[in-house]
């Protein structure tokens, strides 16, 4: 009976160590994934801001060209 208990204890200790290794690996993967998602999120934010800024610049430039055309048209009259 004692031998069975000691054998089971040894098995459980081995399972515990194995489980702890798996847990550590999963936590490392989770941390890497979190970092990757943060980088992707940051890149998206920057690209959205640049896209928005470019649209604003295009809009302002377009308005400026139209205003300049109107002024030139008025000067011709």
PDB file of N, CA and C in Angstrom:
ATOM      1  N   UNK A   1       0.823  -1.197   0.000  1.00  0.00           N
ATOM      2  CA  UNK A   1       0.000   0.000   0.000  1.00  0.00           C
ATOM      3  C   UNK A   1       0.866   1.260   0.000  1.00  0.00           C
ATOM      4  N   UNK A   2       1.898   1.286   0.835  1.00  0.00           N
ATOM      5  CA  UNK A   2       2.769   2.451   0.917  1.00  0.00           C
ATOM      6  C   UNK A   2       3.477   2.680  -0.418  1.00  0.00           C
ATOM      7  N   UNK A   3       3.873   1.618  -1.085  1.00  0.00           N
ATOM      8  CA  UNK A   3       4.552   1.742  -2.379  1.00  0.00           C
ATOM      9  C   UNK A   3       3.629   2.385  -3.418  1.00  0.00           C
ATOM     10  N   UNK A   4       2.367   1.999  -3.368  1.00  0.00           N
ATOM     11  CA  UNK A   4       1.390   2.581  -4.304  1.00  0.00           C
ATOM     12  C   UNK A   4       1.220   4.079  -4.051  1.00  0.00           C
ATOM     13  N   UNK A   5       1.157   4.443  -2.796  1.00  0.00           N
ATOM     14  CA  UNK A   5       1.019   5.861  -2.445  1.00  0.00           C
ATOM     15  C   UNK A   5       2.238   6.661  -2.893  1.00  0.00           C
ATOM     16  N   UNK A   6       3.438   6.107  -2.665  1.00  0.00           N
ATOM     17  CA  UNK A   6       4.659   6.793  -3.073  1.00  0.00           C
ATOM     18  C   UNK A   6       4.741   6.903  -4.597  1.00  0.00           C
ATOM     19  N   UNK A   7       4.322   5.841  -5.299  1.00  0.00           N
ATOM     20  CA  UNK A   7       4.309   5.874  -6.760  1.00  0.00           C
ATOM     21  C   UNK A   7       3.346   6.950  -7.258  1.00  0.00           C
ATOM     22  N   UNK A   8       2.181   6.981  -6.657  1.00  0.00           N
ATOM     23  CA  UNK A   8       1.181   7.989  -7.053  1.00  0.00           C
ATOM     24  C   UNK A   8       1.675   9.394  -6.753  1.00  0.00           C
ATOM     25  N   UNK A   9       2.339   9.575  -5.618  1.00  0.00           N
ATOM     26  CA  UNK A   9       2.901  10.860  -5.241  1.00  0.00           C
ATOM     27  C   UNK A   9       3.940  11.299  -6.267  1.00  0.00           C
ATOM     28  N   UNK A  10       4.794  10.390  -6.680  1.00  0.00           N
ATOM     29  CA  UNK A  10       5.809  10.686  -7.690  1.00  0.00           C
ATOM     30  C   UNK A  10       5.150  11.080  -9.010  1.00  0.00           C
ATOM     31  N   UNK A  11       4.107  10.347  -9.403  1.00  0.00           N
ATOM     32  CA  UNK A  11       3.385  10.665 -10.641  1.00  0.00           C
ATOM     33  C   UNK A  11       2.757  12.057 -10.575  1.00  0.00           C
ATOM     34  N   UNK A  12       2.134  12.355  -9.459  1.00  0.00           N
ATOM     35  CA  UNK A  12       1.488  13.659  -9.300  1.00  0.00           C
ATOM     36  C   UNK A  12       2.495  14.796  -9.313  1.00  0.00           C
ATOM     37  N   UNK A  13       3.661  14.583  -8.690  1.00  0.00           N
ATOM     38  CA  UNK A  13       4.700  15.612  -8.705  1.00  0.00           C
ATOM     39  C   UNK A  13       5.194  15.862 -10.131  1.00  0.00           C
ATOM     40  N   UNK A  14       5.344  14.786 -10.900  1.00  0.00           N
ATOM     41  CA  UNK A  14       5.781  14.913 -12.292  1.00  0.00           C
ATOM     42  C   UNK A  14       4.722  15.659 -13.110  1.00  0.00           C
ATOM     43  N   UNK A  15       3.449  15.337 -12.866  1.00  0.00           N
ATOM     44  CA  UNK A  15       2.364  16.033 -13.558  1.00  0.00           C
ATOM     45  C   UNK A  15       2.335  17.510 -13.188  1.00  0.00           C
ATOM     46  N   UNK A  16       2.601  17.807 -11.942  1.00  0.00           N
ATOM     47  CA  UNK A  16       2.629  19.195 -11.491  1.00  0.00           C
ATOM     48  C   UNK A  16       3.734  19.970 -12.204  1.00  0.00           C
ATOM     49  N   UNK A  17       4.917  19.396 -12.265  1.00  0.00           N
ATOM     50  CA  UNK A  17       6.038  20.055 -12.936  1.00  0.00           C
ATOM     51  C   UNK A  17       5.713  20.254 -14.417  1.00  0.00           C
ATOM     52  N   UNK A  18       5.158  19.226 -15.030  1.00  0.00           N
ATOM     53  CA  UNK A  18       4.787  19.322 -16.443  1.00  0.00           C
ATOM     54  C   UNK A  18       3.732  20.403 -16.657  1.00  0.00           C
ATOM     55  N   UNK A  19       2.742  20.447 -15.805  1.00  0.00           N
ATOM     56  CA  UNK A  19       1.692  21.452 -15.897  1.00  0.00           C
ATOM     57  C   UNK A  19       2.226  22.855 -15.702  1.00  0.00           C
ATOM     58  N   UNK A  20       3.170  23.008 -14.791  1.00  0.00           N
ATOM     59  CA  UNK A  20       3.776  24.321 -14.561  1.00  0.00           C
ATOM     60  C   UNK A  20       4.562  24.789 -15.781  1.00  0.00           C
ATOM     61  N   UNK A  21       5.239  23.853 -16.465  1.00  0.00           N
ATOM     62  CA  UNK A  21       5.975  24.205 -17.681  1.00  0.00           C
ATOM     63  C   UNK A  21       5.005  24.648 -18.776  1.00  0.00           C
ATOM     64  N   UNK A  22       3.908  23.910 -18.931  1.00  0.00           N
ATOM     65  CA  UNK A  22       2.906  24.278 -19.932  1.00  0.00           C
ATOM     66  C   UNK A  22       2.331  25.651 -19.607  1.00  0.00           C
ATOM     67  N   UNK A  23       2.038  25.897 -18.340  1.00  0.00           N
ATOM     68  CA  UNK A  23       1.489  27.183 -17.918  1.00  0.00           C
ATOM     69  C   UNK A  23       2.465  28.312 -18.222  1.00  0.00           C
ATOM     70  N   UNK A  24       3.739  28.097 -17.933  1.00  0.00           N
ATOM     71  CA  UNK A  24       4.751  29.129 -18.203  1.00  0.00           C
ATOM     72  C   UNK A  24       4.833  29.403 -19.705  1.00  0.00           C
ATOM     73  N   UNK A  25       4.792  28.356 -20.525  1.00  0.00           N
ATOM     74  CA  UNK A  25       4.824  28.536 -21.979  1.00  0.00           C
ATOM     75  C   UNK A  25       3.606  29.323 -22.457  1.00  0.00           C
ATOM     76  N   UNK A  26       2.441  28.979 -21.945  1.00  0.00           N
ATOM     77  CA  UNK A  26       1.223  29.685 -22.346  1.00  0.00           C
ATOM     78  C   UNK A  26       1.255  31.152 -21.917  1.00  0.00           C
ATOM     79  N   UNK A  27       1.771  31.409 -20.733  1.00  0.00           N
ATOM     80  CA  UNK A  27       1.870  32.798 -20.267  1.00  0.00           C
ATOM     81  C   UNK A  27       2.838  33.592 -21.134  1.00  0.00           C
ATOM     82  N   UNK A  28       3.936  32.957 -21.557  1.00  0.00           N
ATOM     83  CA  UNK A  28       4.892  33.641 -22.442  1.00  0.00           C
ATOM     84  C   UNK A  28       4.240  33.932 -23.789  1.00  0.00           C
ATOM     85  N   UNK A  29       3.506  32.960 -24.318  1.00  0.00           N
ATOM     86  CA  UNK A  29       2.805  33.166 -25.585  1.00  0.00           C
ATOM     87  C   UNK A  29       1.767  34.273 -25.454  1.00  0.00           C
ATOM     88  N   UNK A  30       1.059  34.299 -24.340  1.00  0.00           N
ATOM     89  CA  UNK A  30       0.055  35.331 -24.107  1.00  0.00           C
ATOM     90  C   UNK A  30       0.707  36.713 -24.076  1.00  0.00           C
ATOM     91  N   UNK A  31       1.839  36.818 -23.401  1.00  0.00           N
ATOM     92  CA  UNK A  31       2.543  38.104 -23.324  1.00  0.00           C
ATOM     93  C   UNK A  31       3.017  38.533 -24.712  1.00  0.00           C
ATOM     94  N   UNK A  32       3.552  37.597 -25.490  1.00  0.00           N
ATOM     95  CA  UNK A  32       3.999  37.924 -26.848  1.00  0.00           C
ATOM     96  C   UNK A  32       2.829  38.358 -27.716  1.00  0.00           C
ATOM     97  N   UNK A  33       1.710  37.662 -27.596  1.00  0.00           N
ATOM     98  CA  UNK A  33       0.525  38.010 -28.372  1.00  0.00           C
ATOM     99  C   UNK A  33       0.006  39.389 -27.972  1.00  0.00           C
ATOM    100  N   UNK A  34       0.005  39.676 -26.680  1.00  0.00           N
ATOM    101  CA  UNK A  34      -0.445  40.983 -26.197  1.00  0.00           C
ATOM    102  C   UNK A  34       0.440  42.090 -26.778  1.00  0.00           C
ATOM    103  N   UNK A  35       1.756  41.866 -26.773  1.00  0.00           N
ATOM    104  CA  UNK A  35       2.675  42.858 -27.340  1.00  0.00           C
ATOM    105  C   UNK A  35       2.428  43.057 -28.834  1.00  0.00           C
ATOM    106  N   UNK A  36       2.217  41.954 -29.536  1.00  0.00           N
ATOM    107  CA  UNK A  36       1.953  42.031 -30.974  1.00  0.00           C
ATOM    108  C   UNK A  36       0.669  42.803 -31.247  1.00  0.00           C
ATOM    109  N   UNK A  37      -0.377  42.512 -30.486  1.00  0.00           N
ATOM    110  CA  UNK A  37      -1.649  43.210 -30.671  1.00  0.00           C
ATOM    111  C   UNK A  37      -1.520  44.698 -30.360  1.00  0.00           C
ATOM    112  N   UNK A  38      -0.729  45.038 -29.360  1.00  0.00           N
ATOM    113  CA  UNK A  38      -0.499  46.454 -29.040  1.00  0.00           C
ATOM    114  C   UNK A  38       0.228  47.160 -30.180  1.00  0.00           C
ATOM    115  N   UNK A  39       1.225  46.488 -30.763  1.00  0.00           N
ATOM    116  CA  UNK A  39       1.941  47.087 -31.895  1.00  0.00           C
ATOM    117  C   UNK A  39       1.012  47.275 -33.085  1.00  0.00           C
ATOM    118  N   UNK A  40       0.187  46.261 -33.362  1.00  0.00           N
ATOM    119  CA  UNK A  40      -0.762  46.359 -34.479  1.00  0.00           C
ATOM    120  C   UNK A  40      -1.747  47.487 -34.232  1.00  0.00           C
ATOM    121  N   UNK A  41      -2.256  47.569 -33.021  1.00  0.00           N
ATOM    122  CA  UNK A  41      -3.203  48.621 -32.666  1.00  0.00           C
ATOM    123  C   UNK A  41      -2.571  49.999 -32.834  1.00  0.00           C
ATOM    124  N   UNK A  42      -1.331  50.137 -32.401  1.00  0.00           N
ATOM    125  CA  UNK A  42      -0.629  51.405 -32.557  1.00  0.00           C
ATOM    126  C   UNK A  42      -0.420  51.763 -34.021  1.00  0.00           C
ATOM    127  N   UNK A  43      -0.067  50.761 -34.817  1.00  0.00           N
ATOM    128  CA  UNK A  43       0.127  51.007 -36.252  1.00  0.00           C
ATOM    129  C   UNK A  43      -1.177  51.430 -36.912  1.00  0.00           C
ATOM    130  N   UNK A  44      -2.272  50.793 -36.529  1.00  0.00           N
ATOM    131  CA  UNK A  44      -3.590  51.160 -37.070  1.00  0.00           C
ATOM    132  C   UNK A  44      -3.911  52.601 -36.715  1.00  0.00           C
ATOM    133  N   UNK A  45      -3.683  52.967 -35.462  1.00  0.00           N
ATOM    134  CA  UNK A  45      -3.983  54.328 -35.017  1.00  0.00           C
ATOM    135  C   UNK A  45      -3.168  55.351 -35.810  1.00  0.00           C
ATOM    136  N   UNK A  46      -1.893  55.072 -35.992  1.00  0.00           N
ATOM    137  CA  UNK A  46      -1.040  56.002 -36.737  1.00  0.00           C
ATOM    138  C   UNK A  46      -1.520  56.124 -38.179  1.00  0.00           C
ATOM    139  N   UNK A  47      -1.815  54.987 -38.811  1.00  0.00           N
ATOM    140  CA  UNK A  47      -2.274  55.028 -40.202  1.00  0.00           C
ATOM    141  C   UNK A  47      -3.607  55.747 -40.334  1.00  0.00           C
ATOM    142  N   UNK A  48      -4.498  55.545 -39.372  1.00  0.00           N
ATOM    143  CA  UNK A  48      -5.780  56.261 -39.408  1.00  0.00           C
ATOM    144  C   UNK A  48      -5.557  57.771 -39.270  1.00  0.00           C
ATOM    145  N   UNK A  49      -4.657  58.150 -38.385  1.00  0.00           N
ATOM    146  CA  UNK A  49      -4.373  59.578 -38.213  1.00  0.00           C
ATOM    147  C   UNK A  49      -3.741  60.158 -39.477  1.00  0.00           C
ATOM    148  N   UNK A  50      -2.818  59.422 -40.070  1.00  0.00           N
ATOM    149  CA  UNK A  50      -2.193  59.901 -41.305  1.00  0.00           C
ATOM    150  C   UNK A  50      -3.207  59.986 -42.434  1.00  0.00           C
ATOM    151  N   UNK A  51      -4.077  58.995 -42.520  1.00  0.00           N
ATOM    152  CA  UNK A  51      -5.112  58.995 -43.554  1.00  0.00           C
ATOM    153  C   UNK A  51      -6.047  60.174 -43.347  1.00  0.00           C
ATOM    154  N   UNK A  52      -6.449  60.397 -42.112  1.00  0.00           N
ATOM    155  CA  UNK A  52      -7.334  61.516 -41.797  1.00  0.00           C
ATOM    156  C   UNK A  52      -6.634  62.831 -42.099  1.00  0.00           C
ATOM    157  N   UNK A  53      -5.390  62.933 -41.723  1.00  0.00           N
ATOM    158  CA  UNK A  53      -4.618  64.156 -41.965  1.00  0.00           C
ATOM    159  C   UNK A  53      -4.464  64.394 -43.458  1.00  0.00           C
ATOM    160  N   UNK A  54      -4.211  63.337 -44.216  1.00  0.00           N
ATOM    161  CA  UNK A  54      -4.067  63.471 -45.663  1.00  0.00           C
ATOM    162  C   UNK A  54      -5.371  63.907 -46.289  1.00  0.00           C
ATOM    163  N   UNK A  55      -6.482  63.360 -45.831  1.00  0.00           N
ATOM    164  CA  UNK A  55      -7.788  63.772 -46.353  1.00  0.00           C
ATOM    165  C   UNK A  55      -8.048  65.238 -46.053  1.00  0.00           C
ATOM    166  N   UNK A  56      -7.693  65.668 -44.826  1.00  0.00           N
ATOM    167  CA  UNK A  56      -7.878  67.077 -44.450  1.00  0.00           C
ATOM    168  C   UNK A  56      -7.013  67.976 -45.317  1.00  0.00           C
ATOM    169  N   UNK A  57      -5.759  67.575 -45.524  1.00  0.00           N
ATOM    170  CA  UNK A  57      -4.848  68.364 -46.367  1.00  0.00           C
ATOM    171  C   UNK A  57      -5.383  68.451 -47.792  1.00  0.00           C
ATOM    172  N   UNK A  58      -5.857  67.305 -48.322  1.00  0.00           N
ATOM    173  CA  UNK A  58      -6.413  67.307 -49.674  1.00  0.00           C
ATOM    174  C   UNK A  58      -7.616  68.233 -49.763  1.00  0.00           C
ATOM    175  N   UNK A  59      -8.475  68.164 -48.741  1.00  0.00           N
ATOM    176  CA  UNK A  59      -9.668  69.009 -48.717  1.00  0.00           C
ATOM    177  C   UNK A  59      -9.276  70.484 -48.678  1.00  0.00           C
ATOM    178  N   UNK A  60      -8.321  70.814 -47.802  1.00  0.00           N
ATOM    179  CA  UNK A  60      -7.879  72.205 -47.689  1.00  0.00           C
ATOM    180  C   UNK A  60      -7.202  72.672 -48.971  1.00  0.00           C
ATOM    181  N   UNK A  61      -6.374  71.813 -49.558  1.00  0.00           N
ATOM    182  CA  UNK A  61      -5.705  72.172 -50.808  1.00  0.00           C
ATOM    183  C   UNK A  61      -6.728  72.358 -51.921  1.00  0.00           C
ATOM    184  N   UNK A  62      -7.717  71.500 -51.967  1.00  0.00           N
ATOM    185  CA  UNK A  62      -8.756  71.600 -52.983  1.00  0.00           C
ATOM    186  C   UNK A  62      -9.540  72.902 -52.816  1.00  0.00           C
ATOM    187  N   UNK A  63      -9.876  73.226 -51.578  1.00  0.00           N
ATOM    188  CA  UNK A  63     -10.580  74.486 -51.315  1.00  0.00           C
ATOM    189  C   UNK A  63      -9.722  75.689 -51.701  1.00  0.00           C
ATOM    190  N   UNK A  64      -8.438  75.612 -51.416  1.00  0.00           N
ATOM    191  CA  UNK A  64      -7.542  76.716 -51.758  1.00  0.00           C
ATOM    192  C   UNK A  64      -7.492  76.901 -53.270  1.00  0.00           C
ATOM    193  N   UNK A  65      -7.396  75.781 -54.006  1.00  0.00           N
ATOM    194  CA  UNK A  65      -7.349  75.864 -55.473  1.00  0.00           C
ATOM    195  C   UNK A  65      -8.657  76.452 -55.998  1.00  0.00           C
ATOM    196  N   UNK A  66      -9.776  76.040 -55.424  1.00  0.00           N
ATOM    197  CA  UNK A  66     -11.062  76.574 -55.862  1.00  0.00           C
ATOM    198  C   UNK A  66     -11.162  78.070 -55.562  1.00  0.00           C
ATOM    199  N   UNK A  67     -10.724  78.459 -54.382  1.00  0.00           N
ATOM    200  CA  UNK A  67     -10.766  79.879 -54.014  1.00  0.00           C
ATOM    201  C   UNK A  67      -9.867  80.690 -54.942  1.00  0.00           C
ATOM    202  N   UNK A  68      -8.698  80.154 -55.249  1.00  0.00           N
ATOM    203  CA  UNK A  68      -7.777  80.847 -56.140  1.00  0.00           C
ATOM    204  C   UNK A  68      -8.379  80.958 -57.538  1.00  0.00           C
ATOM    205  N   UNK A  69      -9.046  79.926 -57.983  1.00  0.00           N
ATOM    206  CA  UNK A  69      -9.711  79.962 -59.291  1.00  0.00           C
ATOM    207  C   UNK A  69     -10.804  81.013 -59.296  1.00  0.00           C
ATOM    208  N   UNK A  70     -11.559  81.103 -58.219  1.00  0.00           N
ATOM    209  CA  UNK A  70     -12.627  82.101 -58.128  1.00  0.00           C
ATOM    210  C   UNK A  70     -12.068  83.509 -58.176  1.00  0.00           C
ATOM    211  N   UNK A  71     -10.956  83.716 -57.492  1.00  0.00           N
ATOM    212  CA  UNK A  71     -10.333  85.032 -57.482  1.00  0.00           C
ATOM    213  C   UNK A  71      -9.859  85.378 -58.886  1.00  0.00           C
ATOM    214  N   UNK A  72      -9.228  84.432 -59.568  1.00  0.00           N
ATOM    215  CA  UNK A  72      -8.747  84.678 -60.934  1.00  0.00           C
ATOM    216  C   UNK A  72      -9.923  84.932 -61.880  1.00  0.00           C
ATOM    217  N   UNK A  73     -10.997  84.204 -61.695  1.00  0.00           N
ATOM    218  CA  UNK A  73     -12.181  84.385 -62.522  1.00  0.00           C
ATOM    219  C   UNK A  73     -12.765  85.780 -62.317  1.00  0.00           C
ATOM    220  N   UNK A  74     -12.805  86.217 -61.043  1.00  0.00           N
ATOM    221  CA  UNK A  74     -13.333  87.544 -60.733  1.00  0.00           C
ATOM    222  C   UNK A  74     -12.455  88.644 -61.305  1.00  0.00           C
ATOM    223  N   UNK A  75     -11.128  88.409 -61.316  1.00  0.00           N
ATOM    224  CA  UNK A  75     -10.210  89.392 -61.853  1.00  0.00           C
ATOM    225  C   UNK A  75     -10.388  89.570 -63.355  1.00  0.00           C
ATOM    226  N   UNK A  76     -10.770  88.508 -64.049  1.00  0.00           N
ATOM    227  CA  UNK A  76     -10.964  88.568 -65.490  1.00  0.00           C
ATOM    228  C   UNK A  76     -12.213  89.383 -65.849  1.00  0.00           C
ATOM    229  N   UNK A  77     -13.191  89.363 -64.982  1.00  0.00           N
ATOM    230  CA  UNK A  77     -14.457  90.087 -65.261  1.00  0.00           C
ATOM    231  C   UNK A  77     -14.242  91.526 -65.150  1.00  0.00           C
TER     232      UNK A  77
END
